[in-house]
Amino acid sequence: MLGRSHNLNSNEFYKPIIYWIQKYVATSPHFTSVELFFEYIDSRTSKQLYTVLRALGPINLTGNTLKIKWGYDKDDDEMLWLIQTMEKQLLLDIEKNEMEE
């Protein structure tokens, strides 16, 4: 995912994505790579993104590989804090990539 996320109805926007991820995870994929970069995330979206990442978490539990790369603007301390918080709460290994503007 790349861009800005500030949907007024983020639940409806992310619902099909989360449903697809749950079906995908059930197929027991051997390797999954996810790359994220957001210039901006509002609080509603951060909650949905947390749900997206939580839905991906079981991939690691099955002995398969989940690789998450999350790029962020090098001056965006709030985004870095969000990434670190999600990483810790979800027990995921997230590669944090500092990006130049």
N, C-alpha and C. Protein backbone atom coordinates (compact mmCIF):
# COMPACT_ATOMS: atom_id res chain seq x y z
N MET A 1 0.85 -1.17 0.00
CA MET A 1 0.00 0.00 0.00
C MET A 1 0.89 1.23 0.00
N LEU A 2 0.47 2.22 -0.73
CA LEU A 2 1.24 3.44 -0.84
C LEU A 2 0.28 4.62 -0.89
N GLY A 3 0.52 5.62 -0.08
CA GLY A 3 -0.29 6.82 -0.20
C GLY A 3 -0.76 7.39 1.12
N ARG A 4 -1.93 8.06 1.05
CA ARG A 4 -2.54 8.71 2.21
C ARG A 4 -3.83 7.97 2.51
N SER A 5 -4.12 7.80 3.78
CA SER A 5 -5.36 7.13 4.14
C SER A 5 -6.07 7.93 5.21
N HIS A 6 -7.19 8.48 4.83
CA HIS A 6 -8.04 9.23 5.76
C HIS A 6 -9.50 9.07 5.34
N ASN A 7 -9.91 7.83 5.22
CA ASN A 7 -11.27 7.51 4.81
C ASN A 7 -12.26 7.81 5.92
N LEU A 8 -13.36 8.41 5.57
CA LEU A 8 -14.39 8.67 6.56
C LEU A 8 -15.06 7.38 7.01
N ASN A 9 -15.09 6.40 6.13
CA ASN A 9 -15.68 5.12 6.49
C ASN A 9 -14.65 4.02 6.28
N SER A 10 -13.62 4.04 7.09
CA SER A 10 -12.52 3.09 6.92
C SER A 10 -12.96 1.65 7.16
N ASN A 11 -13.96 1.44 8.02
CA ASN A 11 -14.45 0.08 8.25
C ASN A 11 -14.93 -0.55 6.96
N GLU A 12 -15.74 0.16 6.22
CA GLU A 12 -16.27 -0.36 4.96
C GLU A 12 -15.17 -0.51 3.91
N PHE A 13 -14.23 0.41 3.89
CA PHE A 13 -13.14 0.34 2.92
C PHE A 13 -12.26 -0.89 3.17
N TYR A 14 -11.90 -1.13 4.42
CA TYR A 14 -10.96 -2.21 4.74
C TYR A 14 -11.62 -3.58 4.91
N LYS A 15 -12.93 -3.63 5.07
CA LYS A 15 -13.61 -4.90 5.29
C LYS A 15 -13.30 -5.94 4.20
N PRO A 16 -13.41 -5.62 2.90
CA PRO A 16 -13.08 -6.63 1.88
C PRO A 16 -11.59 -7.00 1.86
N ILE A 17 -10.74 -6.06 2.22
CA ILE A 17 -9.30 -6.34 2.26
C ILE A 17 -9.02 -7.35 3.37
N ILE A 18 -9.58 -7.12 4.53
CA ILE A 18 -9.37 -8.02 5.67
C ILE A 18 -9.96 -9.39 5.37
N TYR A 19 -11.13 -9.43 4.74
CA TYR A 19 -11.75 -10.70 4.36
C TYR A 19 -10.85 -11.47 3.39
N TRP A 20 -10.30 -10.78 2.39
CA TRP A 20 -9.41 -11.43 1.43
C TRP A 20 -8.16 -11.96 2.14
N ILE A 21 -7.60 -11.18 3.05
CA ILE A 21 -6.40 -11.62 3.78
C ILE A 21 -6.70 -12.87 4.59
N GLN A 22 -7.84 -12.92 5.25
CA GLN A 22 -8.21 -14.10 6.04
C GLN A 22 -8.31 -15.33 5.15
N LYS A 23 -8.89 -15.20 3.97
CA LYS A 23 -8.96 -16.33 3.03
C LYS A 23 -7.57 -16.71 2.54
N TYR A 24 -6.74 -15.71 2.27
CA TYR A 24 -5.37 -15.95 1.81
C TYR A 24 -4.56 -16.69 2.86
N VAL A 25 -4.62 -16.23 4.10
CA VAL A 25 -3.86 -16.86 5.19
C VAL A 25 -4.30 -18.31 5.37
N ALA A 26 -5.56 -18.61 5.16
CA ALA A 26 -6.07 -19.97 5.30
C ALA A 26 -5.47 -20.93 4.29
N THR A 27 -4.90 -20.42 3.20
CA THR A 27 -4.27 -21.29 2.20
C THR A 27 -2.86 -21.69 2.62
N SER A 28 -2.39 -21.19 3.74
CA SER A 28 -1.06 -21.48 4.28
C SER A 28 0.06 -21.15 3.28
N PRO A 29 0.15 -19.88 2.90
CA PRO A 29 1.18 -19.48 1.94
C PRO A 29 2.58 -19.65 2.52
N HIS A 30 3.52 -20.11 1.69
CA HIS A 30 4.89 -20.34 2.16
C HIS A 30 5.64 -19.03 2.42
N PHE A 31 5.39 -18.04 1.57
CA PHE A 31 6.09 -16.76 1.69
C PHE A 31 5.13 -15.64 1.34
N THR A 32 5.08 -14.64 2.19
CA THR A 32 4.24 -13.47 1.94
C THR A 32 5.05 -12.23 2.22
N SER A 33 5.02 -11.30 1.28
CA SER A 33 5.72 -10.04 1.42
C SER A 33 4.71 -8.90 1.33
N VAL A 34 4.78 -8.00 2.30
CA VAL A 34 3.89 -6.85 2.34
C VAL A 34 4.74 -5.59 2.43
N GLU A 35 4.48 -4.63 1.55
CA GLU A 35 5.21 -3.37 1.58
C GLU A 35 4.21 -2.24 1.79
N LEU A 36 4.50 -1.38 2.76
CA LEU A 36 3.61 -0.28 3.12
C LEU A 36 4.37 1.04 3.10
N PHE A 37 3.70 2.08 2.68
CA PHE A 37 4.21 3.44 2.84
C PHE A 37 3.01 4.36 2.84
N PHE A 38 2.86 5.12 3.89
CA PHE A 38 1.78 6.09 3.98
C PHE A 38 2.38 7.45 4.32
N GLU A 39 1.95 8.46 3.59
CA GLU A 39 2.33 9.81 3.95
C GLU A 39 1.55 10.26 5.17
N TYR A 40 0.34 9.72 5.31
CA TYR A 40 -0.54 10.12 6.40
C TYR A 40 -1.51 8.99 6.70
N ILE A 41 -1.78 8.77 7.98
CA ILE A 41 -2.79 7.80 8.41
C ILE A 41 -3.60 8.45 9.52
N ASP A 42 -4.92 8.48 9.36
CA ASP A 42 -5.73 9.00 10.45
C ASP A 42 -5.99 7.89 11.47
N SER A 43 -6.58 8.23 12.60
CA SER A 43 -6.76 7.24 13.68
C SER A 43 -7.69 6.11 13.28
N ARG A 44 -8.72 6.40 12.48
CA ARG A 44 -9.62 5.33 12.02
C ARG A 44 -8.87 4.33 11.15
N THR A 45 -8.03 4.85 10.29
CA THR A 45 -7.25 3.97 9.41
C THR A 45 -6.22 3.18 10.19
N SER A 46 -5.59 3.79 11.18
CA SER A 46 -4.57 3.06 11.94
C SER A 46 -5.21 1.85 12.64
N LYS A 47 -6.43 2.00 13.10
CA LYS A 47 -7.12 0.86 13.71
C LYS A 47 -7.37 -0.25 12.69
N GLN A 48 -7.75 0.14 11.49
CA GLN A 48 -7.98 -0.87 10.45
C GLN A 48 -6.67 -1.51 9.99
N LEU A 49 -5.63 -0.72 9.91
CA LEU A 49 -4.32 -1.26 9.53
C LEU A 49 -3.83 -2.25 10.58
N TYR A 50 -4.08 -1.95 11.84
CA TYR A 50 -3.77 -2.88 12.92
C TYR A 50 -4.49 -4.21 12.68
N THR A 51 -5.76 -4.15 12.30
CA THR A 51 -6.54 -5.36 12.02
C THR A 51 -5.98 -6.11 10.82
N VAL A 52 -5.55 -5.38 9.80
CA VAL A 52 -4.94 -6.00 8.62
C VAL A 52 -3.68 -6.77 9.03
N LEU A 53 -2.81 -6.12 9.79
CA LEU A 53 -1.56 -6.78 10.20
C LEU A 53 -1.84 -7.95 11.15
N ARG A 54 -2.81 -7.80 12.02
CA ARG A 54 -3.18 -8.90 12.92
C ARG A 54 -3.68 -10.10 12.11
N ALA A 55 -4.41 -9.84 11.03
CA ALA A 55 -4.92 -10.93 10.18
C ALA A 55 -3.78 -11.65 9.47
N LEU A 56 -2.68 -10.95 9.20
CA LEU A 56 -1.52 -11.58 8.56
C LEU A 56 -0.67 -12.37 9.54
N GLY A 57 -0.74 -12.05 10.81
CA GLY A 57 0.11 -12.67 11.83
C GLY A 57 0.16 -14.18 11.84
N PRO A 58 -0.96 -14.88 11.65
CA PRO A 58 -0.92 -16.35 11.69
C PRO A 58 0.02 -17.00 10.66
N ILE A 59 0.41 -16.26 9.64
CA ILE A 59 1.34 -16.83 8.65
C ILE A 59 2.61 -17.28 9.36
N ASN A 60 3.12 -16.46 10.28
CA ASN A 60 4.33 -16.82 11.02
C ASN A 60 4.12 -18.02 11.93
N LEU A 61 2.91 -18.17 12.45
CA LEU A 61 2.63 -19.25 13.39
C LEU A 61 2.63 -20.63 12.74
N THR A 62 2.49 -20.66 11.43
CA THR A 62 2.45 -21.93 10.71
C THR A 62 3.82 -22.35 10.19
N GLY A 63 4.85 -21.60 10.56
CA GLY A 63 6.20 -21.92 10.10
C GLY A 63 6.51 -21.34 8.74
N ASN A 64 5.59 -20.58 8.19
CA ASN A 64 5.83 -19.92 6.91
C ASN A 64 6.42 -18.54 7.15
N THR A 65 6.77 -17.84 6.09
CA THR A 65 7.48 -16.58 6.22
C THR A 65 6.59 -15.40 5.86
N LEU A 66 6.54 -14.44 6.76
CA LEU A 66 5.84 -13.18 6.53
C LEU A 66 6.88 -12.07 6.62
N LYS A 67 7.06 -11.33 5.53
CA LYS A 67 8.02 -10.23 5.51
C LYS A 67 7.23 -8.94 5.31
N ILE A 68 7.36 -8.04 6.28
CA ILE A 68 6.67 -6.76 6.22
C ILE A 68 7.71 -5.65 6.17
N LYS A 69 7.62 -4.82 5.13
CA LYS A 69 8.48 -3.65 5.00
C LYS A 69 7.57 -2.42 5.06
N TRP A 70 7.92 -1.49 5.91
CA TRP A 70 7.10 -0.29 6.08
C TRP A 70 8.00 0.92 5.93
N GLY A 71 7.81 1.66 4.86
CA GLY A 71 8.57 2.87 4.63
C GLY A 71 7.89 4.06 5.28
N TYR A 72 8.68 4.98 5.75
CA TYR A 72 8.14 6.18 6.38
C TYR A 72 9.07 7.35 6.12
N ASP A 73 8.52 8.54 6.11
CA ASP A 73 9.30 9.75 5.92
C ASP A 73 10.27 9.89 7.09
N LYS A 74 11.51 10.16 6.81
CA LYS A 74 12.54 10.19 7.85
C LYS A 74 12.25 11.21 8.95
N ASP A 75 11.44 12.21 8.67
CA ASP A 75 11.12 13.23 9.67
C ASP A 75 9.79 12.97 10.38
N ASP A 76 9.17 11.85 10.10
CA ASP A 76 7.85 11.55 10.66
C ASP A 76 7.97 10.64 11.88
N ASP A 77 8.24 11.24 13.02
CA ASP A 77 8.42 10.49 14.26
C ASP A 77 7.13 9.79 14.70
N GLU A 78 5.98 10.40 14.39
CA GLU A 78 4.71 9.77 14.76
C GLU A 78 4.48 8.48 13.99
N MET A 79 4.83 8.46 12.70
CA MET A 79 4.66 7.24 11.91
C MET A 79 5.61 6.16 12.42
N LEU A 80 6.83 6.52 12.73
CA LEU A 80 7.79 5.56 13.27
C LEU A 80 7.25 4.99 14.59
N TRP A 81 6.71 5.84 15.45
CA TRP A 81 6.14 5.38 16.71
C TRP A 81 4.99 4.41 16.44
N LEU A 82 4.13 4.72 15.46
CA LEU A 82 3.01 3.84 15.12
C LEU A 82 3.52 2.47 14.65
N ILE A 83 4.52 2.48 13.80
CA ILE A 83 5.09 1.21 13.30
C ILE A 83 5.65 0.40 14.47
N GLN A 84 6.43 1.03 15.31
CA GLN A 84 7.04 0.33 16.44
C GLN A 84 5.99 -0.20 17.40
N THR A 85 4.93 0.57 17.62
CA THR A 85 3.86 0.15 18.51
C THR A 85 3.14 -1.07 17.95
N MET A 86 2.80 -1.04 16.68
CA MET A 86 2.12 -2.19 16.06
C MET A 86 3.03 -3.41 16.07
N GLU A 87 4.29 -3.20 15.77
CA GLU A 87 5.25 -4.30 15.77
C GLU A 87 5.29 -4.98 17.14
N LYS A 88 5.34 -4.19 18.18
CA LYS A 88 5.42 -4.73 19.54
C LYS A 88 4.11 -5.40 19.96
N GLN A 89 2.99 -4.73 19.71
CA GLN A 89 1.69 -5.27 20.13
C GLN A 89 1.32 -6.55 19.38
N LEU A 90 1.68 -6.62 18.11
CA LEU A 90 1.30 -7.77 17.29
C LEU A 90 2.39 -8.85 17.22
N LEU A 91 3.52 -8.58 17.88
CA LEU A 91 4.64 -9.53 17.87
C LEU A 91 5.08 -9.87 16.44
N LEU A 92 5.20 -8.82 15.63
CA LEU A 92 5.63 -8.97 14.25
C LEU A 92 7.01 -8.35 14.08
N ASP A 93 7.75 -8.86 13.13
CA ASP A 93 9.03 -8.26 12.77
C ASP A 93 8.78 -7.38 11.55
N ILE A 94 8.82 -6.07 11.74
CA ILE A 94 8.56 -5.14 10.65
C ILE A 94 9.86 -4.42 10.30
N GLU A 95 10.25 -4.54 9.04
CA GLU A 95 11.44 -3.82 8.57
C GLU A 95 11.04 -2.37 8.34
N LYS A 96 11.67 -1.48 9.07
CA LYS A 96 11.35 -0.06 8.98
C LYS A 96 12.35 0.62 8.05
N ASN A 97 11.83 1.23 6.99
CA ASN A 97 12.67 1.86 5.98
C ASN A 97 12.47 3.36 5.98
N GLU A 98 13.49 4.08 6.42
CA GLU A 98 13.45 5.54 6.41
C GLU A 98 13.58 6.03 4.98
N MET A 99 12.64 6.87 4.56
CA MET A 99 12.62 7.34 3.18
C MET A 99 12.91 8.83 3.13
N GLU A 100 13.56 9.26 2.07
CA GLU A 100 13.78 10.68 1.83
C GLU A 100 12.53 11.25 1.18
N GLU A 101 12.27 12.53 1.39
CA GLU A 101 11.11 13.17 0.78
C GLU A 101 11.24 13.24 -0.71
